[in-house]
């Protein structure tokens, strides 16, 4: 293949990647401002400086955009948890779980403004739920991934056998969700130092076998 052709292909790919990134940035901004329920693909396309037709060349619709924002623009909780089960037996369990808790707090803090309005419209929530299911996605997956990690570490004898993996995952993520909700409701972001302390205390409770 000629160099010119190769370079041209790289330029095309780069342009397409730049367009996708701009659309994602716009989606993140719009969803964070007006909430997922009130966000439209037309608003996102306009904020990105493109037509809706261009947006649909990169994303199938608002739900796919929302998932991409969660994974690529918010704190990397999803990717962290996807890697976690394969890392069982490595490192210090408490440190890994504290990292998960800290990331979960940041993730839920950032995602609340997007999701809150969705629950005020049951019909829209139902459509969103169906769209997530069609894409093989959903909030239950983070619990399942964390439970898989806890189960693997328990089987390796690195955490107490009294720790129930499903209850432990629900305890850690649920506590982070609730703390982030309180912060969002009060309008007071969680300071980094408090986030660290909260994560450490939560993990101590979980690993004590009380989950």
C-alpha atoms as a PDB file:
ATOM      1  CA  UNK A   1       0.000   0.000   0.000  1.00  0.00           C
ATOM      2  CA  UNK A   2       1.368   3.407  -0.903  1.00  0.00           C
ATOM      3  CA  UNK A   3       2.409   5.687   1.916  1.00  0.00           C
ATOM      4  CA  UNK A   4       0.110   8.422   0.705  1.00  0.00           C
ATOM      5  CA  UNK A   5      -2.861   6.065   0.833  1.00  0.00           C
ATOM      6  CA  UNK A   6      -1.885   4.850   4.289  1.00  0.00           C
ATOM      7  CA  UNK A   7      -1.468   8.400   5.547  1.00  0.00           C
ATOM      8  CA  UNK A   8      -4.801   9.318   4.018  1.00  0.00           C
ATOM      9  CA  UNK A   9      -6.499   6.427   5.792  1.00  0.00           C
ATOM     10  CA  UNK A  10      -4.980   7.548   9.069  1.00  0.00           C
ATOM     11  CA  UNK A  11      -6.266  11.066   8.471  1.00  0.00           C
ATOM     12  CA  UNK A  12      -9.779   9.761   7.851  1.00  0.00           C
ATOM     13  CA  UNK A  13      -9.693   7.637  10.987  1.00  0.00           C
ATOM     14  CA  UNK A  14      -8.340  10.538  12.994  1.00  0.00           C
ATOM     15  CA  UNK A  15     -11.107  12.817  11.783  1.00  0.00           C
ATOM     16  CA  UNK A  16     -13.768  10.244  12.614  1.00  0.00           C
ATOM     17  CA  UNK A  17     -12.244   9.734  16.071  1.00  0.00           C
ATOM     18  CA  UNK A  18     -12.175  13.495  16.673  1.00  0.00           C
ATOM     19  CA  UNK A  19     -15.821  13.759  15.672  1.00  0.00           C
ATOM     20  CA  UNK A  20     -16.794  10.964  18.036  1.00  0.00           C
ATOM     21  CA  UNK A  21     -14.842  12.578  20.886  1.00  0.00           C
ATOM     22  CA  UNK A  22     -16.542  15.939  20.326  1.00  0.00           C
ATOM     23  CA  UNK A  23     -19.957  14.280  20.320  1.00  0.00           C
ATOM     24  CA  UNK A  24     -19.130  12.450  23.559  1.00  0.00           C
ATOM     25  CA  UNK A  25     -17.912  15.665  25.190  1.00  0.00           C
ATOM     26  CA  UNK A  26     -21.131  17.384  24.157  1.00  0.00           C
ATOM     27  CA  UNK A  27     -23.254  14.492  25.432  1.00  0.00           C
ATOM     28  CA  UNK A  28     -21.465  14.590  28.780  1.00  0.00           C
ATOM     29  CA  UNK A  29     -22.027  18.331  29.083  1.00  0.00           C
ATOM     30  CA  UNK A  30     -25.689  18.299  28.049  1.00  0.00           C
ATOM     31  CA  UNK A  31     -26.642  15.241  30.128  1.00  0.00           C
ATOM     32  CA  UNK A  32     -24.902  16.669  33.203  1.00  0.00           C
ATOM     33  CA  UNK A  33     -26.731  19.976  32.764  1.00  0.00           C
ATOM     34  CA  UNK A  34     -30.316  19.009  31.907  1.00  0.00           C
ATOM     35  CA  UNK A  35     -30.401  15.329  32.862  1.00  0.00           C
ATOM     36  CA  UNK A  36     -30.774  12.239  30.728  1.00  0.00           C
ATOM     37  CA  UNK A  37     -34.571  12.455  30.504  1.00  0.00           C
ATOM     38  CA  UNK A  38     -34.542  15.915  28.937  1.00  0.00           C
ATOM     39  CA  UNK A  39     -31.529  15.375  26.722  1.00  0.00           C
ATOM     40  CA  UNK A  40     -32.150  14.844  23.005  1.00  0.00           C
ATOM     41  CA  UNK A  41     -29.787  13.767  20.261  1.00  0.00           C
ATOM     42  CA  UNK A  42     -30.594  17.039  18.514  1.00  0.00           C
ATOM     43  CA  UNK A  43     -29.323  19.008  21.525  1.00  0.00           C
ATOM     44  CA  UNK A  44     -26.158  16.922  21.683  1.00  0.00           C
ATOM     45  CA  UNK A  45     -25.483  17.277  17.956  1.00  0.00           C
ATOM     46  CA  UNK A  46     -26.003  21.043  18.166  1.00  0.00           C
ATOM     47  CA  UNK A  47     -23.689  21.352  21.181  1.00  0.00           C
ATOM     48  CA  UNK A  48     -21.026  19.359  19.321  1.00  0.00           C
ATOM     49  CA  UNK A  49     -21.423  21.457  16.188  1.00  0.00           C
ATOM     50  CA  UNK A  50     -22.705  18.625  13.991  1.00  0.00           C
ATOM     51  CA  UNK A  51     -25.938  17.467  12.443  1.00  0.00           C
ATOM     52  CA  UNK A  52     -27.990  14.652  13.952  1.00  0.00           C
ATOM     53  CA  UNK A  53     -27.114  12.596  10.881  1.00  0.00           C
ATOM     54  CA  UNK A  54     -23.429  12.840  11.816  1.00  0.00           C
ATOM     55  CA  UNK A  55     -24.202  11.828  15.397  1.00  0.00           C
ATOM     56  CA  UNK A  56     -26.031   8.716  14.194  1.00  0.00           C
ATOM     57  CA  UNK A  57     -23.007   7.668  12.157  1.00  0.00           C
ATOM     58  CA  UNK A  58     -21.182   7.113  15.453  1.00  0.00           C
ATOM     59  CA  UNK A  59     -23.942   6.183  17.913  1.00  0.00           C
ATOM     60  CA  UNK A  60     -27.230   4.320  17.522  1.00  0.00           C
ATOM     61  CA  UNK A  61     -29.048   6.703  19.840  1.00  0.00           C
ATOM     62  CA  UNK A  62     -29.171   8.370  23.243  1.00  0.00           C
ATOM     63  CA  UNK A  63     -28.823   5.163  25.257  1.00  0.00           C
ATOM     64  CA  UNK A  64     -25.612   4.124  23.503  1.00  0.00           C
ATOM     65  CA  UNK A  65     -24.310   7.665  23.970  1.00  0.00           C
ATOM     66  CA  UNK A  66     -25.173   7.537  27.664  1.00  0.00           C
ATOM     67  CA  UNK A  67     -23.293   4.254  28.103  1.00  0.00           C
ATOM     68  CA  UNK A  68     -20.278   5.671  26.291  1.00  0.00           C
ATOM     69  CA  UNK A  69     -20.323   8.723  28.573  1.00  0.00           C
ATOM     70  CA  UNK A  70     -20.470   6.495  31.656  1.00  0.00           C
ATOM     71  CA  UNK A  71     -17.517   4.420  30.484  1.00  0.00           C
ATOM     72  CA  UNK A  72     -15.363   7.039  28.767  1.00  0.00           C
ATOM     73  CA  UNK A  73     -16.116  10.349  30.470  1.00  0.00           C
ATOM     74  CA  UNK A  74     -16.983   9.542  34.084  1.00  0.00           C
ATOM     75  CA  UNK A  75     -14.566   8.126  36.700  1.00  0.00           C
ATOM     76  CA  UNK A  76     -13.507   4.714  35.420  1.00  0.00           C
ATOM     77  CA  UNK A  77     -15.586   2.505  37.727  1.00  0.00           C
ATOM     78  CA  UNK A  78     -16.902   0.208  35.004  1.00  0.00           C
ATOM     79  CA  UNK A  79     -13.495  -0.538  33.486  1.00  0.00           C
ATOM     80  CA  UNK A  80     -11.960  -0.952  36.944  1.00  0.00           C
ATOM     81  CA  UNK A  81     -14.566  -3.565  37.849  1.00  0.00           C
ATOM     82  CA  UNK A  82     -14.261  -5.357  34.511  1.00  0.00           C
ATOM     83  CA  UNK A  83     -10.566  -5.954  35.184  1.00  0.00           C
ATOM     84  CA  UNK A  84     -10.990  -6.857  38.831  1.00  0.00           C
ATOM     85  CA  UNK A  85     -12.053 -10.555  38.668  1.00  0.00           C
ATOM     86  CA  UNK A  86      -8.944 -11.398  36.616  1.00  0.00           C
ATOM     87  CA  UNK A  87      -6.754  -9.747  39.262  1.00  0.00           C
ATOM     88  CA  UNK A  88      -7.856 -12.028  42.101  1.00  0.00           C
ATOM     89  CA  UNK A  89      -4.860 -13.335  44.009  1.00  0.00           C
ATOM     90  CA  UNK A  90      -2.759 -10.273  43.169  1.00  0.00           C
ATOM     91  CA  UNK A  91      -1.961  -7.268  45.311  1.00  0.00           C
ATOM     92  CA  UNK A  92      -3.646  -6.393  48.598  1.00  0.00           C
ATOM     93  CA  UNK A  93      -7.394  -7.054  48.710  1.00  0.00           C
ATOM     94  CA  UNK A  94      -8.161  -4.124  51.017  1.00  0.00           C
ATOM     95  CA  UNK A  95      -6.316  -1.682  48.753  1.00  0.00           C
ATOM     96  CA  UNK A  96      -8.153  -2.908  45.668  1.00  0.00           C
ATOM     97  CA  UNK A  97     -11.504  -2.573  47.405  1.00  0.00           C
ATOM     98  CA  UNK A  98     -10.660   0.900  48.701  1.00  0.00           C
ATOM     99  CA  UNK A  99      -9.867   1.920  45.116  1.00  0.00           C
ATOM    100  CA  UNK A 100     -13.236   0.541  44.022  1.00  0.00           C
ATOM    101  CA  UNK A 101     -15.053   2.413  46.797  1.00  0.00           C
ATOM    102  CA  UNK A 102     -13.280   5.681  46.016  1.00  0.00           C
ATOM    103  CA  UNK A 103     -14.037   5.379  42.311  1.00  0.00           C
ATOM    104  CA  UNK A 104     -17.644   4.408  43.032  1.00  0.00           C
ATOM    105  CA  UNK A 105     -18.133   7.540  45.123  1.00  0.00           C
ATOM    106  CA  UNK A 106     -16.782   9.740  42.336  1.00  0.00           C
ATOM    107  CA  UNK A 107     -18.743   7.855  39.659  1.00  0.00           C
ATOM    108  CA  UNK A 108     -22.067   8.112  41.483  1.00  0.00           C
ATOM    109  CA  UNK A 109     -21.482  11.781  42.295  1.00  0.00           C
ATOM    110  CA  UNK A 110     -20.976  12.549  38.607  1.00  0.00           C
ATOM    111  CA  UNK A 111     -23.813  10.355  37.326  1.00  0.00           C
ATOM    112  CA  UNK A 112     -26.560  11.560  39.689  1.00  0.00           C
ATOM    113  CA  UNK A 113     -27.295  14.775  37.748  1.00  0.00           C
ATOM    114  CA  UNK A 114     -27.719  12.709  34.580  1.00  0.00           C
ATOM    115  CA  UNK A 115     -29.971  10.031  36.030  1.00  0.00           C
ATOM    116  CA  UNK A 116     -32.167  11.818  38.576  1.00  0.00           C
ATOM    117  CA  UNK A 117     -34.700  13.211  36.103  1.00  0.00           C
ATOM    118  CA  UNK A 118     -35.159   9.801  34.478  1.00  0.00           C
ATOM    119  CA  UNK A 119     -37.005   8.466  37.528  1.00  0.00           C
ATOM    120  CA  UNK A 120     -39.612  11.222  37.300  1.00  0.00           C
ATOM    121  CA  UNK A 121     -40.847   9.815  33.981  1.00  0.00           C
ATOM    122  CA  UNK A 122     -41.826   6.126  34.341  1.00  0.00           C
ATOM    123  CA  UNK A 123     -42.496   5.583  30.627  1.00  0.00           C
ATOM    124  CA  UNK A 124     -39.100   6.987  29.665  1.00  0.00           C
ATOM    125  CA  UNK A 125     -37.416   4.951  32.400  1.00  0.00           C
ATOM    126  CA  UNK A 126     -39.063   1.791  31.040  1.00  0.00           C
ATOM    127  CA  UNK A 127     -37.805   2.547  27.510  1.00  0.00           C
ATOM    128  CA  UNK A 128     -34.328   3.241  28.825  1.00  0.00           C
ATOM    129  CA  UNK A 129     -34.373  -0.031  30.774  1.00  0.00           C
ATOM    130  CA  UNK A 130     -35.399  -1.937  27.657  1.00  0.00           C
ATOM    131  CA  UNK A 131     -32.696  -0.239  25.577  1.00  0.00           C
ATOM    132  CA  UNK A 132     -30.027  -1.134  28.136  1.00  0.00           C
ATOM    133  CA  UNK A 133     -31.206  -4.744  28.174  1.00  0.00           C
ATOM    134  CA  UNK A 134     -31.005  -4.890  24.379  1.00  0.00           C
ATOM    135  CA  UNK A 135     -27.380  -3.716  24.596  1.00  0.00           C
ATOM    136  CA  UNK A 136     -26.587  -6.272  27.295  1.00  0.00           C
ATOM    137  CA  UNK A 137     -25.946  -3.530  29.839  1.00  0.00           C
ATOM    138  CA  UNK A 138     -27.373  -2.329  33.125  1.00  0.00           C
ATOM    139  CA  UNK A 139     -26.429  -1.143  36.625  1.00  0.00           C
ATOM    140  CA  UNK A 140     -26.605  -4.710  37.977  1.00  0.00           C
ATOM    141  CA  UNK A 141     -23.376  -5.536  36.162  1.00  0.00           C
ATOM    142  CA  UNK A 142     -21.159  -3.575  38.547  1.00  0.00           C
ATOM    143  CA  UNK A 143     -22.515  -5.608  41.472  1.00  0.00           C
ATOM    144  CA  UNK A 144     -21.964  -8.862  39.596  1.00  0.00           C
ATOM    145  CA  UNK A 145     -18.370  -7.991  38.702  1.00  0.00           C
ATOM    146  CA  UNK A 146     -17.492  -6.983  42.250  1.00  0.00           C
ATOM    147  CA  UNK A 147     -19.198 -10.093  43.646  1.00  0.00           C
ATOM    148  CA  UNK A 148     -17.178 -12.246  41.220  1.00  0.00           C
ATOM    149  CA  UNK A 149     -13.965 -10.680  42.534  1.00  0.00           C
ATOM    150  CA  UNK A 150     -14.949 -11.201  46.173  1.00  0.00           C
ATOM    151  CA  UNK A 151     -15.909 -14.804  45.441  1.00  0.00           C
ATOM    152  CA  UNK A 152     -12.566 -15.470  43.764  1.00  0.00           C
ATOM    153  CA  UNK A 153     -10.609 -13.949  46.646  1.00  0.00           C
ATOM    154  CA  UNK A 154     -12.673 -15.919  49.151  1.00  0.00           C
ATOM    155  CA  UNK A 155     -12.015 -19.142  47.261  1.00  0.00           C
ATOM    156  CA  UNK A 156      -8.307 -18.343  47.353  1.00  0.00           C
ATOM    157  CA  UNK A 157      -8.491 -17.903  51.112  1.00  0.00           C
ATOM    158  CA  UNK A 158      -7.528 -14.219  50.972  1.00  0.00           C
ATOM    159  CA  UNK A 159     -10.718 -12.993  52.651  1.00  0.00           C
ATOM    160  CA  UNK A 160     -12.802 -14.512  55.429  1.00  0.00           C
ATOM    161  CA  UNK A 161     -15.143 -17.335  54.424  1.00  0.00           C
ATOM    162  CA  UNK A 162     -17.973 -15.571  56.278  1.00  0.00           C
ATOM    163  CA  UNK A 163     -18.021 -12.773  53.685  1.00  0.00           C
ATOM    164  CA  UNK A 164     -20.922 -13.319  51.299  1.00  0.00           C
ATOM    165  CA  UNK A 165     -19.811 -12.061  47.843  1.00  0.00           C
ATOM    166  CA  UNK A 166     -23.221 -10.777  46.742  1.00  0.00           C
ATOM    167  CA  UNK A 167     -23.999  -9.105  50.054  1.00  0.00           C
ATOM    168  CA  UNK A 168     -20.478  -7.679  50.214  1.00  0.00           C
ATOM    169  CA  UNK A 169     -20.739  -6.154  46.744  1.00  0.00           C
ATOM    170  CA  UNK A 170     -24.168  -4.709  47.572  1.00  0.00           C
ATOM    171  CA  UNK A 171     -22.868  -3.317  50.847  1.00  0.00           C
ATOM    172  CA  UNK A 172     -19.864  -1.564  49.340  1.00  0.00           C
ATOM    173  CA  UNK A 173     -21.532  -0.171  46.223  1.00  0.00           C
ATOM    174  CA  UNK A 174     -24.810   0.593  47.993  1.00  0.00           C
ATOM    175  CA  UNK A 175     -23.039   2.563  50.727  1.00  0.00           C
ATOM    176  CA  UNK A 176     -21.113   4.540  48.102  1.00  0.00           C
ATOM    177  CA  UNK A 177     -24.314   5.234  46.188  1.00  0.00           C
ATOM    178  CA  UNK A 178     -26.095   6.455  49.311  1.00  0.00           C
ATOM    179  CA  UNK A 179     -23.165   8.679  50.378  1.00  0.00           C
ATOM    180  CA  UNK A 180     -22.977  10.184  46.908  1.00  0.00           C
ATOM    181  CA  UNK A 181     -26.736  10.784  46.975  1.00  0.00           C
ATOM    182  CA  UNK A 182     -26.466  12.695  50.255  1.00  0.00           C
ATOM    183  CA  UNK A 183     -23.697  14.811  48.775  1.00  0.00           C
ATOM    184  CA  UNK A 184     -25.705  15.531  45.640  1.00  0.00           C
ATOM    185  CA  UNK A 185     -28.836  16.350  47.660  1.00  0.00           C
ATOM    186  CA  UNK A 186     -26.997  18.756  49.959  1.00  0.00           C
ATOM    187  CA  UNK A 187     -25.057  20.294  47.092  1.00  0.00           C
ATOM    188  CA  UNK A 188     -21.780  19.608  48.876  1.00  0.00           C
ATOM    189  CA  UNK A 189     -19.242  17.523  46.927  1.00  0.00           C
ATOM    190  CA  UNK A 190     -17.368  14.909  48.928  1.00  0.00           C
ATOM    191  CA  UNK A 191     -13.838  16.166  49.727  1.00  0.00           C
ATOM    192  CA  UNK A 192     -11.024  13.888  48.604  1.00  0.00           C
ATOM    193  CA  UNK A 193      -9.833  13.281  52.186  1.00  0.00           C
ATOM    194  CA  UNK A 194     -13.300  12.264  53.343  1.00  0.00           C
ATOM    195  CA  UNK A 195     -13.685  10.010  50.311  1.00  0.00           C
ATOM    196  CA  UNK A 196     -10.472   8.207  51.279  1.00  0.00           C
ATOM    197  CA  UNK A 197     -11.554   7.810  54.907  1.00  0.00           C
ATOM    198  CA  UNK A 198     -15.030   6.614  53.964  1.00  0.00           C
ATOM    199  CA  UNK A 199     -13.631   4.035  51.536  1.00  0.00           C
ATOM    200  CA  UNK A 200     -11.168   2.678  54.125  1.00  0.00           C
ATOM    201  CA  UNK A 201     -13.802   2.346  56.868  1.00  0.00           C
ATOM    202  CA  UNK A 202     -16.262   0.733  54.496  1.00  0.00           C
ATOM    203  CA  UNK A 203     -13.723  -1.870  53.396  1.00  0.00           C
ATOM    204  CA  UNK A 204     -12.800  -2.591  57.009  1.00  0.00           C
ATOM    205  CA  UNK A 205     -16.459  -3.365  57.728  1.00  0.00           C
ATOM    206  CA  UNK A 206     -16.779  -5.544  54.650  1.00  0.00           C
ATOM    207  CA  UNK A 207     -13.662  -7.607  55.322  1.00  0.00           C
ATOM    208  CA  UNK A 208     -14.588  -8.129  58.953  1.00  0.00           C
ATOM    209  CA  UNK A 209     -17.221 -10.580  57.741  1.00  0.00           C
ATOM    210  CA  UNK A 210     -20.220  -8.493  58.717  1.00  0.00           C
ATOM    211  CA  UNK A 211     -21.465  -8.134  55.120  1.00  0.00           C
END
